[in-house]
Amino acid sequence: MPRKVDHHERRELLADALMRLAATRGLEGVSLRHVAAEAGVSTGMVQHYFRTKDEMMTFAFGMVEDRIRARSEAAAASAAPRDLVRGVLLQILPLDDTRRLEGHVGLAFLAYAAVKPAIQEGVREDAGRMRGFIAQQLRQAGADGVDPERAATGLMALVDGLGMQMLSRQYPEEDAVAALDAHLDLIFDADHGSRQ
């Protein structure tokens, strides 16, 4: 009896191949044929699971977000708001091989989405959910004198900028984490002084 095909597993295999290519080549020059070669499958198989490059890229970017979310949830079982926000943001920074690959994919995807209106809406929604989550943690922490929405936007921009600079080897990991921690101290301990 033939083995039952796990379609989600196949899609992930193809998305992983796309991510490896995106990290080394960027996304503009990557075709379905390139993904097939990288995954060791036929172009027909890639086309069976993804009708277009946009569809495959959206799935791959969603997979990166799901992996980041799963790591964040595992790390934040019963954390205080500041620790929870820190844990989530550290999952985005390229601090190891997995997160570096995801960082390259994220940058390539955002550059690609910048000229693809059909993809931009999903990117906006995902960013809005992340901002909302961080703002909610700030409200729970009761950070006085801090606008939760603006602070959440600033934290996301900080992590995005640090991530880009780390990927281009401008900052060592410890400097980026120290900068994030200093900014979190300013926001969460605005009325309490430095973190104990």
N, C-alpha and C. Protein backbone atom coordinates (compact mmCIF):
# COMPACT_ATOMS: atom_id res chain seq x y z
N MET A 1 0.85 -1.18 0.00
CA MET A 1 0.00 0.00 0.00
C MET A 1 0.90 1.25 0.00
N PRO A 2 0.66 2.19 -0.91
CA PRO A 2 1.51 3.37 -0.96
C PRO A 2 1.34 4.24 0.29
N ARG A 3 2.45 4.90 0.67
CA ARG A 3 2.44 5.76 1.84
C ARG A 3 1.58 6.99 1.55
N LYS A 4 0.77 7.38 2.54
CA LYS A 4 -0.08 8.56 2.39
C LYS A 4 0.80 9.81 2.40
N VAL A 5 0.54 10.69 1.46
CA VAL A 5 1.34 11.92 1.33
C VAL A 5 0.82 12.96 2.32
N ASP A 6 1.73 13.53 3.09
CA ASP A 6 1.39 14.63 3.99
C ASP A 6 1.59 15.93 3.22
N HIS A 7 0.49 16.53 2.77
CA HIS A 7 0.56 17.71 1.90
C HIS A 7 1.18 18.91 2.62
N HIS A 8 0.86 19.07 3.89
CA HIS A 8 1.44 20.20 4.63
C HIS A 8 2.96 20.02 4.77
N GLU A 9 3.38 18.79 5.00
CA GLU A 9 4.82 18.50 5.11
C GLU A 9 5.53 18.81 3.79
N ARG A 10 4.89 18.48 2.67
CA ARG A 10 5.47 18.77 1.35
C ARG A 10 5.58 20.28 1.13
N ARG A 11 4.52 21.00 1.51
CA ARG A 11 4.55 22.45 1.36
C ARG A 11 5.66 23.05 2.21
N GLU A 12 5.85 22.53 3.43
CA GLU A 12 6.93 23.02 4.29
C GLU A 12 8.30 22.71 3.69
N LEU A 13 8.45 21.52 3.09
CA LEU A 13 9.71 21.15 2.44
C LEU A 13 10.04 22.17 1.34
N LEU A 14 9.05 22.52 0.55
CA LEU A 14 9.26 23.48 -0.54
C LEU A 14 9.52 24.88 0.02
N ALA A 15 8.80 25.24 1.06
CA ALA A 15 9.01 26.56 1.67
C ALA A 15 10.40 26.66 2.29
N ASP A 16 10.87 25.58 2.90
CA ASP A 16 12.24 25.57 3.46
C ASP A 16 13.27 25.76 2.34
N ALA A 17 13.04 25.13 1.20
CA ALA A 17 13.95 25.31 0.06
C ALA A 17 13.93 26.76 -0.40
N LEU A 18 12.74 27.35 -0.48
CA LEU A 18 12.63 28.75 -0.86
C LEU A 18 13.38 29.64 0.14
N MET A 19 13.26 29.35 1.43
CA MET A 19 13.94 30.16 2.44
C MET A 19 15.46 30.09 2.31
N ARG A 20 15.97 28.90 2.04
CA ARG A 20 17.42 28.78 1.84
C ARG A 20 17.88 29.61 0.65
N LEU A 21 17.11 29.56 -0.43
CA LEU A 21 17.45 30.36 -1.62
C LEU A 21 17.32 31.86 -1.34
N ALA A 22 16.27 32.24 -0.62
CA ALA A 22 16.06 33.66 -0.31
C ALA A 22 17.21 34.20 0.54
N ALA A 23 17.72 33.38 1.44
CA ALA A 23 18.80 33.82 2.32
C ALA A 23 20.11 34.01 1.57
N THR A 24 20.29 33.27 0.47
CA THR A 24 21.55 33.37 -0.27
C THR A 24 21.45 34.20 -1.54
N ARG A 25 20.25 34.27 -2.14
CA ARG A 25 20.09 34.95 -3.43
C ARG A 25 19.14 36.13 -3.41
N GLY A 26 18.33 36.25 -2.34
CA GLY A 26 17.21 37.19 -2.39
C GLY A 26 16.05 36.52 -3.11
N LEU A 27 14.94 37.17 -3.22
CA LEU A 27 13.75 36.53 -3.79
C LEU A 27 13.49 36.88 -5.24
N GLU A 28 13.97 38.00 -5.70
CA GLU A 28 13.63 38.43 -7.05
C GLU A 28 14.06 37.43 -8.12
N GLY A 29 15.25 36.88 -7.96
CA GLY A 29 15.76 35.97 -8.98
C GLY A 29 15.38 34.52 -8.78
N VAL A 30 14.59 34.21 -7.76
CA VAL A 30 14.24 32.82 -7.46
C VAL A 30 12.96 32.46 -8.20
N SER A 31 13.00 31.33 -8.89
CA SER A 31 11.82 30.87 -9.62
C SER A 31 11.34 29.54 -9.01
N LEU A 32 10.18 29.08 -9.47
CA LEU A 32 9.68 27.79 -9.03
C LEU A 32 10.67 26.68 -9.42
N ARG A 33 11.31 26.85 -10.56
CA ARG A 33 12.31 25.87 -11.01
C ARG A 33 13.49 25.81 -10.04
N HIS A 34 13.94 26.98 -9.56
CA HIS A 34 15.04 27.00 -8.60
C HIS A 34 14.65 26.29 -7.30
N VAL A 35 13.43 26.54 -6.85
CA VAL A 35 12.95 25.90 -5.62
C VAL A 35 12.89 24.40 -5.80
N ALA A 36 12.41 23.95 -6.96
CA ALA A 36 12.34 22.51 -7.23
C ALA A 36 13.73 21.89 -7.16
N ALA A 37 14.71 22.53 -7.78
CA ALA A 37 16.08 22.01 -7.76
C ALA A 37 16.63 21.97 -6.34
N GLU A 38 16.40 23.03 -5.57
CA GLU A 38 16.90 23.10 -4.19
C GLU A 38 16.25 22.02 -3.31
N ALA A 39 14.96 21.74 -3.55
CA ALA A 39 14.23 20.74 -2.76
C ALA A 39 14.44 19.32 -3.27
N GLY A 40 15.03 19.20 -4.48
CA GLY A 40 15.24 17.87 -5.05
C GLY A 40 13.96 17.22 -5.56
N VAL A 41 13.05 18.06 -6.08
CA VAL A 41 11.79 17.55 -6.62
C VAL A 41 11.59 18.13 -8.01
N SER A 42 10.51 17.72 -8.66
CA SER A 42 10.22 18.24 -10.00
C SER A 42 9.53 19.60 -9.91
N THR A 43 9.66 20.37 -10.98
CA THR A 43 8.96 21.65 -11.06
C THR A 43 7.45 21.42 -11.00
N GLY A 44 7.00 20.31 -11.59
CA GLY A 44 5.57 19.97 -11.56
C GLY A 44 5.06 19.80 -10.14
N MET A 45 5.88 19.20 -9.28
CA MET A 45 5.45 19.04 -7.89
C MET A 45 5.30 20.40 -7.20
N VAL A 46 6.27 21.29 -7.46
CA VAL A 46 6.17 22.64 -6.87
C VAL A 46 4.89 23.31 -7.35
N GLN A 47 4.59 23.21 -8.64
CA GLN A 47 3.39 23.83 -9.20
C GLN A 47 2.11 23.18 -8.69
N HIS A 48 2.19 21.93 -8.30
CA HIS A 48 1.03 21.25 -7.72
C HIS A 48 0.65 21.89 -6.37
N TYR A 49 1.65 22.26 -5.60
CA TYR A 49 1.40 22.81 -4.26
C TYR A 49 1.28 24.33 -4.25
N PHE A 50 1.94 24.99 -5.18
CA PHE A 50 1.91 26.45 -5.23
C PHE A 50 1.72 26.88 -6.68
N ARG A 51 0.62 27.52 -6.96
CA ARG A 51 0.34 27.94 -8.34
C ARG A 51 1.25 29.08 -8.79
N THR A 52 1.62 29.94 -7.83
CA THR A 52 2.45 31.09 -8.17
C THR A 52 3.57 31.26 -7.16
N LYS A 53 4.55 32.02 -7.56
CA LYS A 53 5.66 32.36 -6.66
C LYS A 53 5.13 33.16 -5.46
N ASP A 54 4.21 34.08 -5.69
CA ASP A 54 3.64 34.86 -4.59
C ASP A 54 3.00 33.96 -3.54
N GLU A 55 2.25 32.97 -4.01
CA GLU A 55 1.58 32.04 -3.11
C GLU A 55 2.61 31.27 -2.26
N MET A 56 3.67 30.83 -2.91
CA MET A 56 4.71 30.09 -2.20
C MET A 56 5.43 31.00 -1.20
N MET A 57 5.71 32.21 -1.59
CA MET A 57 6.41 33.14 -0.70
C MET A 57 5.55 33.52 0.49
N THR A 58 4.27 33.72 0.27
CA THR A 58 3.37 34.05 1.37
C THR A 58 3.31 32.89 2.36
N PHE A 59 3.25 31.67 1.85
CA PHE A 59 3.24 30.50 2.72
C PHE A 59 4.54 30.41 3.52
N ALA A 60 5.68 30.63 2.86
CA ALA A 60 6.98 30.55 3.54
C ALA A 60 7.10 31.61 4.63
N PHE A 61 6.66 32.84 4.33
CA PHE A 61 6.73 33.91 5.33
C PHE A 61 5.82 33.59 6.51
N GLY A 62 4.65 33.04 6.23
CA GLY A 62 3.73 32.62 7.30
C GLY A 62 4.34 31.52 8.15
N MET A 63 5.08 30.62 7.52
CA MET A 63 5.74 29.55 8.25
C MET A 63 6.80 30.11 9.19
N VAL A 64 7.56 31.11 8.73
CA VAL A 64 8.55 31.77 9.60
C VAL A 64 7.84 32.39 10.79
N GLU A 65 6.74 33.09 10.54
CA GLU A 65 6.00 33.71 11.64
C GLU A 65 5.48 32.67 12.62
N ASP A 66 4.97 31.55 12.11
CA ASP A 66 4.48 30.48 12.98
C ASP A 66 5.59 29.92 13.85
N ARG A 67 6.76 29.75 13.29
CA ARG A 67 7.89 29.22 14.05
C ARG A 67 8.34 30.21 15.13
N ILE A 68 8.37 31.48 14.79
CA ILE A 68 8.72 32.50 15.78
C ILE A 68 7.68 32.51 16.91
N ARG A 69 6.42 32.44 16.53
CA ARG A 69 5.33 32.44 17.52
C ARG A 69 5.44 31.21 18.43
N ALA A 70 5.70 30.05 17.87
CA ALA A 70 5.82 28.84 18.69
C ALA A 70 6.98 28.94 19.67
N ARG A 71 8.11 29.45 19.22
CA ARG A 71 9.26 29.62 20.14
C ARG A 71 8.94 30.63 21.22
N SER A 72 8.25 31.70 20.84
CA SER A 72 7.90 32.75 21.80
C SER A 72 6.96 32.22 22.86
N GLU A 73 5.96 31.45 22.44
CA GLU A 73 4.99 30.91 23.39
C GLU A 73 5.66 29.92 24.33
N ALA A 74 6.57 29.13 23.82
CA ALA A 74 7.26 28.17 24.68
C ALA A 74 8.13 28.88 25.71
N ALA A 75 8.71 30.01 25.32
CA ALA A 75 9.61 30.73 26.22
C ALA A 75 8.87 31.60 27.23
N ALA A 76 7.59 31.82 27.01
CA ALA A 76 6.88 32.81 27.81
C ALA A 76 5.71 32.24 28.60
N ALA A 77 5.84 31.02 29.03
CA ALA A 77 4.72 30.36 29.70
C ALA A 77 4.08 31.21 30.80
N SER A 78 4.87 31.73 31.71
CA SER A 78 4.29 32.51 32.82
C SER A 78 5.12 33.76 33.08
N ALA A 79 5.56 34.40 32.04
CA ALA A 79 6.45 35.55 32.19
C ALA A 79 5.68 36.83 32.50
N ALA A 80 6.35 37.75 33.18
CA ALA A 80 5.81 39.09 33.40
C ALA A 80 5.80 39.82 32.05
N PRO A 81 4.98 40.89 31.92
CA PRO A 81 4.87 41.57 30.62
C PRO A 81 6.21 41.96 30.00
N ARG A 82 7.12 42.54 30.77
CA ARG A 82 8.41 42.96 30.21
C ARG A 82 9.19 41.76 29.69
N ASP A 83 9.22 40.69 30.47
CA ASP A 83 9.95 39.50 30.06
C ASP A 83 9.30 38.84 28.85
N LEU A 84 7.99 38.91 28.80
CA LEU A 84 7.26 38.34 27.66
C LEU A 84 7.59 39.10 26.38
N VAL A 85 7.56 40.44 26.45
CA VAL A 85 7.89 41.26 25.27
C VAL A 85 9.34 41.01 24.87
N ARG A 86 10.24 40.99 25.84
CA ARG A 86 11.65 40.74 25.55
C ARG A 86 11.83 39.39 24.86
N GLY A 87 11.17 38.36 25.41
CA GLY A 87 11.28 37.02 24.84
C GLY A 87 10.80 36.95 23.40
N VAL A 88 9.69 37.61 23.12
CA VAL A 88 9.15 37.62 21.75
C VAL A 88 10.12 38.35 20.82
N LEU A 89 10.60 39.52 21.24
CA LEU A 89 11.48 40.30 20.38
C LEU A 89 12.82 39.60 20.16
N LEU A 90 13.31 38.88 21.16
CA LEU A 90 14.55 38.13 20.97
C LEU A 90 14.39 37.01 19.95
N GLN A 91 13.16 36.50 19.80
CA GLN A 91 12.93 35.46 18.80
C GLN A 91 13.01 36.01 17.38
N ILE A 92 12.89 37.32 17.24
CA ILE A 92 12.96 37.95 15.92
C ILE A 92 14.40 38.31 15.57
N LEU A 93 15.20 38.68 16.57
CA LEU A 93 16.60 39.04 16.30
C LEU A 93 17.38 37.82 15.79
N PRO A 94 18.26 38.01 14.82
CA PRO A 94 19.03 36.89 14.25
C PRO A 94 20.20 36.48 15.16
N LEU A 95 19.87 35.77 16.25
CA LEU A 95 20.87 35.42 17.26
C LEU A 95 21.45 34.02 17.09
N ASP A 96 20.94 33.25 16.15
CA ASP A 96 21.49 31.92 15.87
C ASP A 96 21.21 31.59 14.40
N ASP A 97 21.65 30.44 13.95
CA ASP A 97 21.51 30.09 12.53
C ASP A 97 20.05 30.09 12.08
N THR A 98 19.16 29.55 12.89
CA THR A 98 17.75 29.50 12.52
C THR A 98 17.19 30.91 12.36
N ARG A 99 17.45 31.76 13.34
CA ARG A 99 16.91 33.12 13.29
C ARG A 99 17.61 33.97 12.23
N ARG A 100 18.87 33.67 11.92
CA ARG A 100 19.54 34.39 10.83
C ARG A 100 18.87 34.05 9.50
N LEU A 101 18.59 32.77 9.28
CA LEU A 101 17.89 32.35 8.06
C LEU A 101 16.53 33.04 7.98
N GLU A 102 15.79 33.02 9.09
CA GLU A 102 14.48 33.66 9.11
C GLU A 102 14.60 35.17 8.88
N GLY A 103 15.64 35.78 9.42
CA GLY A 103 15.86 37.21 9.21
C GLY A 103 16.11 37.54 7.75
N HIS A 104 16.93 36.72 7.09
CA HIS A 104 17.18 36.93 5.66
C HIS A 104 15.89 36.78 4.86
N VAL A 105 15.10 35.77 5.22
CA VAL A 105 13.83 35.55 4.53
C VAL A 105 12.89 36.73 4.76
N GLY A 106 12.82 37.18 6.00
CA GLY A 106 11.95 38.31 6.32
C GLY A 106 12.31 39.56 5.54
N LEU A 107 13.61 39.87 5.48
CA LEU A 107 14.05 41.04 4.72
C LEU A 107 13.73 40.89 3.24
N ALA A 108 14.02 39.72 2.70
CA ALA A 108 13.75 39.49 1.27
C ALA A 108 12.25 39.58 0.99
N PHE A 109 11.45 39.02 1.90
CA PHE A 109 10.00 39.03 1.69
C PHE A 109 9.46 40.45 1.77
N LEU A 110 9.92 41.24 2.75
CA LEU A 110 9.43 42.62 2.87
C LEU A 110 9.82 43.46 1.66
N ALA A 111 11.02 43.26 1.14
CA ALA A 111 11.43 43.99 -0.07
C ALA A 111 10.54 43.58 -1.24
N TYR A 112 10.24 42.31 -1.35
CA TYR A 112 9.39 41.80 -2.42
C TYR A 112 7.96 42.33 -2.26
N ALA A 113 7.45 42.31 -1.02
CA ALA A 113 6.08 42.75 -0.76
C ALA A 113 5.91 44.24 -1.00
N ALA A 114 6.99 45.00 -0.88
CA ALA A 114 6.90 46.46 -1.06
C ALA A 114 6.37 46.84 -2.43
N VAL A 115 6.52 45.98 -3.42
CA VAL A 115 6.04 46.28 -4.77
C VAL A 115 4.92 45.33 -5.20
N LYS A 116 4.34 44.62 -4.23
CA LYS A 116 3.26 43.67 -4.52
C LYS A 116 2.05 44.01 -3.64
N PRO A 117 1.15 44.87 -4.12
CA PRO A 117 0.00 45.27 -3.30
C PRO A 117 -0.82 44.11 -2.77
N ALA A 118 -0.90 43.02 -3.51
CA ALA A 118 -1.70 41.88 -3.06
C ALA A 118 -1.12 41.24 -1.80
N ILE A 119 0.17 41.38 -1.60
CA ILE A 119 0.82 40.78 -0.43
C ILE A 119 0.89 41.77 0.73
N GLN A 120 0.91 43.05 0.43
CA GLN A 120 1.10 44.08 1.46
C GLN A 120 0.05 44.03 2.56
N GLU A 121 -1.19 43.75 2.22
CA GLU A 121 -2.25 43.75 3.23
C GLU A 121 -1.97 42.71 4.32
N GLY A 122 -1.54 41.52 3.92
CA GLY A 122 -1.22 40.49 4.90
C GLY A 122 -0.05 40.89 5.80
N VAL A 123 0.94 41.53 5.21
CA VAL A 123 2.10 42.01 5.99
C VAL A 123 1.64 43.05 7.01
N ARG A 124 0.77 43.96 6.57
CA ARG A 124 0.24 45.00 7.48
C ARG A 124 -0.53 44.37 8.63
N GLU A 125 -1.35 43.38 8.31
CA GLU A 125 -2.15 42.72 9.35
C GLU A 125 -1.26 42.01 10.36
N ASP A 126 -0.23 41.32 9.88
CA ASP A 126 0.69 40.62 10.79
C ASP A 126 1.41 41.60 11.70
N ALA A 127 1.89 42.70 11.13
CA ALA A 127 2.57 43.72 11.93
C ALA A 127 1.61 44.34 12.94
N GLY A 128 0.38 44.54 12.54
CA GLY A 128 -0.63 45.10 13.45
C GLY A 128 -0.90 44.18 14.62
N ARG A 129 -0.94 42.88 14.37
CA ARG A 129 -1.15 41.92 15.47
C ARG A 129 0.01 41.97 16.46
N MET A 130 1.24 42.05 15.94
CA MET A 130 2.41 42.10 16.81
C MET A 130 2.40 43.39 17.63
N ARG A 131 2.12 44.51 16.97
CA ARG A 131 2.04 45.79 17.69
C ARG A 131 0.98 45.73 18.78
N GLY A 132 -0.17 45.16 18.45
CA GLY A 132 -1.25 45.03 19.42
C GLY A 132 -0.86 44.20 20.62
N PHE A 133 -0.16 43.10 20.37
CA PHE A 133 0.29 42.24 21.46
C PHE A 133 1.25 42.99 22.39
N ILE A 134 2.23 43.68 21.81
CA ILE A 134 3.20 44.41 22.62
C ILE A 134 2.51 45.54 23.38
N ALA A 135 1.60 46.26 22.73
CA ALA A 135 0.88 47.35 23.39
C ALA A 135 0.07 46.81 24.56
N GLN A 136 -0.54 45.64 24.39
CA GLN A 136 -1.31 45.04 25.48
C GLN A 136 -0.42 44.71 26.67
N GLN A 137 0.77 44.22 26.41
CA GLN A 137 1.69 43.92 27.52
C GLN A 137 2.09 45.21 28.25
N LEU A 138 2.28 46.28 27.50
CA LEU A 138 2.61 47.57 28.11
C LEU A 138 1.46 48.07 28.99
N ARG A 139 0.24 47.89 28.52
CA ARG A 139 -0.92 48.29 29.32
C ARG A 139 -0.97 47.47 30.62
N GLN A 140 -0.74 46.16 30.49
CA GLN A 140 -0.77 45.30 31.68
C GLN A 140 0.31 45.67 32.68
N ALA A 141 1.46 46.09 32.17
CA ALA A 141 2.56 46.47 33.05
C ALA A 141 2.31 47.83 33.71
N GLY A 142 1.37 48.60 33.16
CA GLY A 142 1.06 49.90 33.72
C GLY A 142 2.20 50.89 33.61
N ALA A 143 2.90 50.87 32.49
CA ALA A 143 4.03 51.79 32.29
C ALA A 143 3.50 53.22 32.19
N ASP A 144 3.70 53.99 33.25
CA ASP A 144 3.19 55.36 33.31
C ASP A 144 3.90 56.26 32.31
N GLY A 145 3.12 57.16 31.73
CA GLY A 145 3.69 58.15 30.82
C GLY A 145 4.12 57.58 29.48
N VAL A 146 3.71 56.36 29.17
CA VAL A 146 4.10 55.71 27.91
C VAL A 146 2.85 55.45 27.10
N ASP A 147 2.83 55.90 25.86
CA ASP A 147 1.75 55.58 24.94
C ASP A 147 2.01 54.16 24.43
N PRO A 148 1.18 53.18 24.82
CA PRO A 148 1.46 51.79 24.46
C PRO A 148 1.59 51.54 22.96
N GLU A 149 0.75 52.18 22.15
CA GLU A 149 0.80 51.95 20.70
C GLU A 149 2.10 52.49 20.10
N ARG A 150 2.47 53.70 20.49
CA ARG A 150 3.71 54.29 19.96
C ARG A 150 4.93 53.53 20.46
N ALA A 151 4.91 53.14 21.72
CA ALA A 151 6.05 52.38 22.26
C ALA A 151 6.19 51.04 21.55
N ALA A 152 5.06 50.39 21.27
CA ALA A 152 5.09 49.10 20.56
C ALA A 152 5.66 49.29 19.15
N THR A 153 5.23 50.35 18.48
CA THR A 153 5.75 50.65 17.14
C THR A 153 7.26 50.89 17.20
N GLY A 154 7.70 51.66 18.21
CA GLY A 154 9.13 51.93 18.37
C GLY A 154 9.93 50.67 18.64
N LEU A 155 9.42 49.77 19.48
CA LEU A 155 10.12 48.53 19.77
C LEU A 155 10.25 47.66 18.52
N MET A 156 9.18 47.60 17.75
CA MET A 156 9.24 46.80 16.51
C MET A 156 10.25 47.39 15.54
N ALA A 157 10.26 48.72 15.41
CA ALA A 157 11.22 49.37 14.51
C ALA A 157 12.64 49.16 15.00
N LEU A 158 12.84 49.22 16.31
CA LEU A 158 14.17 48.99 16.88
C LEU A 158 14.66 47.58 16.54
N VAL A 159 13.81 46.59 16.76
CA VAL A 159 14.21 45.21 16.49
C VAL A 159 14.44 44.98 15.00
N ASP A 160 13.59 45.56 14.16
CA ASP A 160 13.80 45.44 12.72
C ASP A 160 15.14 46.04 12.32
N GLY A 161 15.44 47.23 12.84
CA GLY A 161 16.71 47.89 12.52
C GLY A 161 17.91 47.13 13.05
N LEU A 162 17.82 46.68 14.30
CA LEU A 162 18.92 45.89 14.86
C LEU A 162 19.12 44.61 14.06
N GLY A 163 18.01 43.98 13.67
CA GLY A 163 18.10 42.75 12.89
C GLY A 163 18.82 42.97 11.57
N MET A 164 18.46 44.05 10.86
CA MET A 164 19.13 44.36 9.59
C MET A 164 20.62 44.60 9.81
N GLN A 165 20.95 45.35 10.86
CA GLN A 165 22.35 45.65 11.12
C GLN A 165 23.12 44.42 11.54
N MET A 166 22.48 43.53 12.27
CA MET A 166 23.15 42.27 12.64
C MET A 166 23.38 41.39 11.42
N LEU A 167 22.38 41.33 10.52
CA LEU A 167 22.53 40.50 9.33
C LEU A 167 23.64 41.02 8.42
N SER A 168 23.87 42.33 8.46
CA SER A 168 24.96 42.89 7.65
C SER A 168 26.25 43.05 8.48
N ARG A 169 26.26 42.40 9.63
CA ARG A 169 27.45 42.32 10.50
C ARG A 169 27.92 43.68 11.02
N GLN A 170 27.00 44.62 11.23
CA GLN A 170 27.37 45.92 11.77
C GLN A 170 27.46 45.91 13.29
N TYR A 171 26.68 45.04 13.94
CA TYR A 171 26.68 44.95 15.39
C TYR A 171 26.87 43.51 15.82
N PRO A 172 27.66 43.29 16.85
CA PRO A 172 27.68 41.94 17.42
C PRO A 172 26.39 41.67 18.20
N GLU A 173 26.09 40.42 18.40
CA GLU A 173 24.84 40.03 19.06
C GLU A 173 24.68 40.67 20.42
N GLU A 174 25.76 40.67 21.22
CA GLU A 174 25.64 41.20 22.59
C GLU A 174 25.30 42.69 22.60
N ASP A 175 25.79 43.46 21.63
CA ASP A 175 25.46 44.88 21.56
C ASP A 175 24.00 45.08 21.19
N ALA A 176 23.50 44.27 20.28
CA ALA A 176 22.10 44.39 19.88
C ALA A 176 21.17 44.04 21.04
N VAL A 177 21.48 42.97 21.76
CA VAL A 177 20.64 42.59 22.90
C VAL A 177 20.71 43.65 24.00
N ALA A 178 21.90 44.21 24.23
CA ALA A 178 22.05 45.27 25.23
C ALA A 178 21.23 46.51 24.84
N ALA A 179 21.21 46.85 23.55
CA ALA A 179 20.42 47.99 23.09
C ALA A 179 18.93 47.73 23.30
N LEU A 180 18.49 46.53 23.00
CA LEU A 180 17.09 46.17 23.22
C LEU A 180 16.76 46.27 24.71
N ASP A 181 17.61 45.71 25.56
CA ASP A 181 17.35 45.74 27.00
C ASP A 181 17.30 47.17 27.52
N ALA A 182 18.19 48.03 27.05
CA ALA A 182 18.19 49.42 27.49
C ALA A 182 16.88 50.11 27.09
N HIS A 183 16.40 49.82 25.90
CA HIS A 183 15.15 50.43 25.45
C HIS A 183 13.97 49.89 26.25
N LEU A 184 13.97 48.60 26.52
CA LEU A 184 12.90 48.02 27.35
C LEU A 184 12.91 48.65 28.74
N ASP A 185 14.10 48.88 29.28
CA ASP A 185 14.20 49.54 30.60
C ASP A 185 13.56 50.92 30.56
N LEU A 186 13.82 51.68 29.51
CA LEU A 186 13.25 53.02 29.39
C LEU A 186 11.73 52.98 29.36
N ILE A 187 11.19 51.99 28.67
CA ILE A 187 9.73 51.91 28.52
C ILE A 187 9.07 51.32 29.75
N PHE A 188 9.53 50.16 30.18
CA PHE A 188 8.85 49.46 31.26
C PHE A 188 9.15 50.04 32.64
N ASP A 189 10.33 50.64 32.79
CA ASP A 189 10.69 51.18 34.10
C ASP A 189 10.71 52.70 34.07
N ALA A 190 9.85 53.27 33.23
CA ALA A 190 9.85 54.73 33.06
C ALA A 190 9.69 55.47 34.38
N ASP A 191 8.89 54.92 35.29
CA ASP A 191 8.67 55.61 36.55
C ASP A 191 9.32 54.90 37.74
N HIS A 192 10.12 53.87 37.46
CA HIS A 192 10.72 53.11 38.56
C HIS A 192 12.23 53.13 38.53
N GLY A 193 12.85 53.84 37.59
CA GLY A 193 14.30 53.82 37.50
C GLY A 193 14.76 52.55 36.82
N SER A 194 16.01 52.21 36.98
CA SER A 194 16.58 51.04 36.31
C SER A 194 16.00 49.75 36.87
N ARG A 195 16.04 48.73 36.02
CA ARG A 195 15.58 47.41 36.39
C ARG A 195 16.46 46.87 37.50
N GLN A 196 15.86 46.22 38.49
CA GLN A 196 16.61 45.67 39.62
C GLN A 196 17.32 44.40 39.21
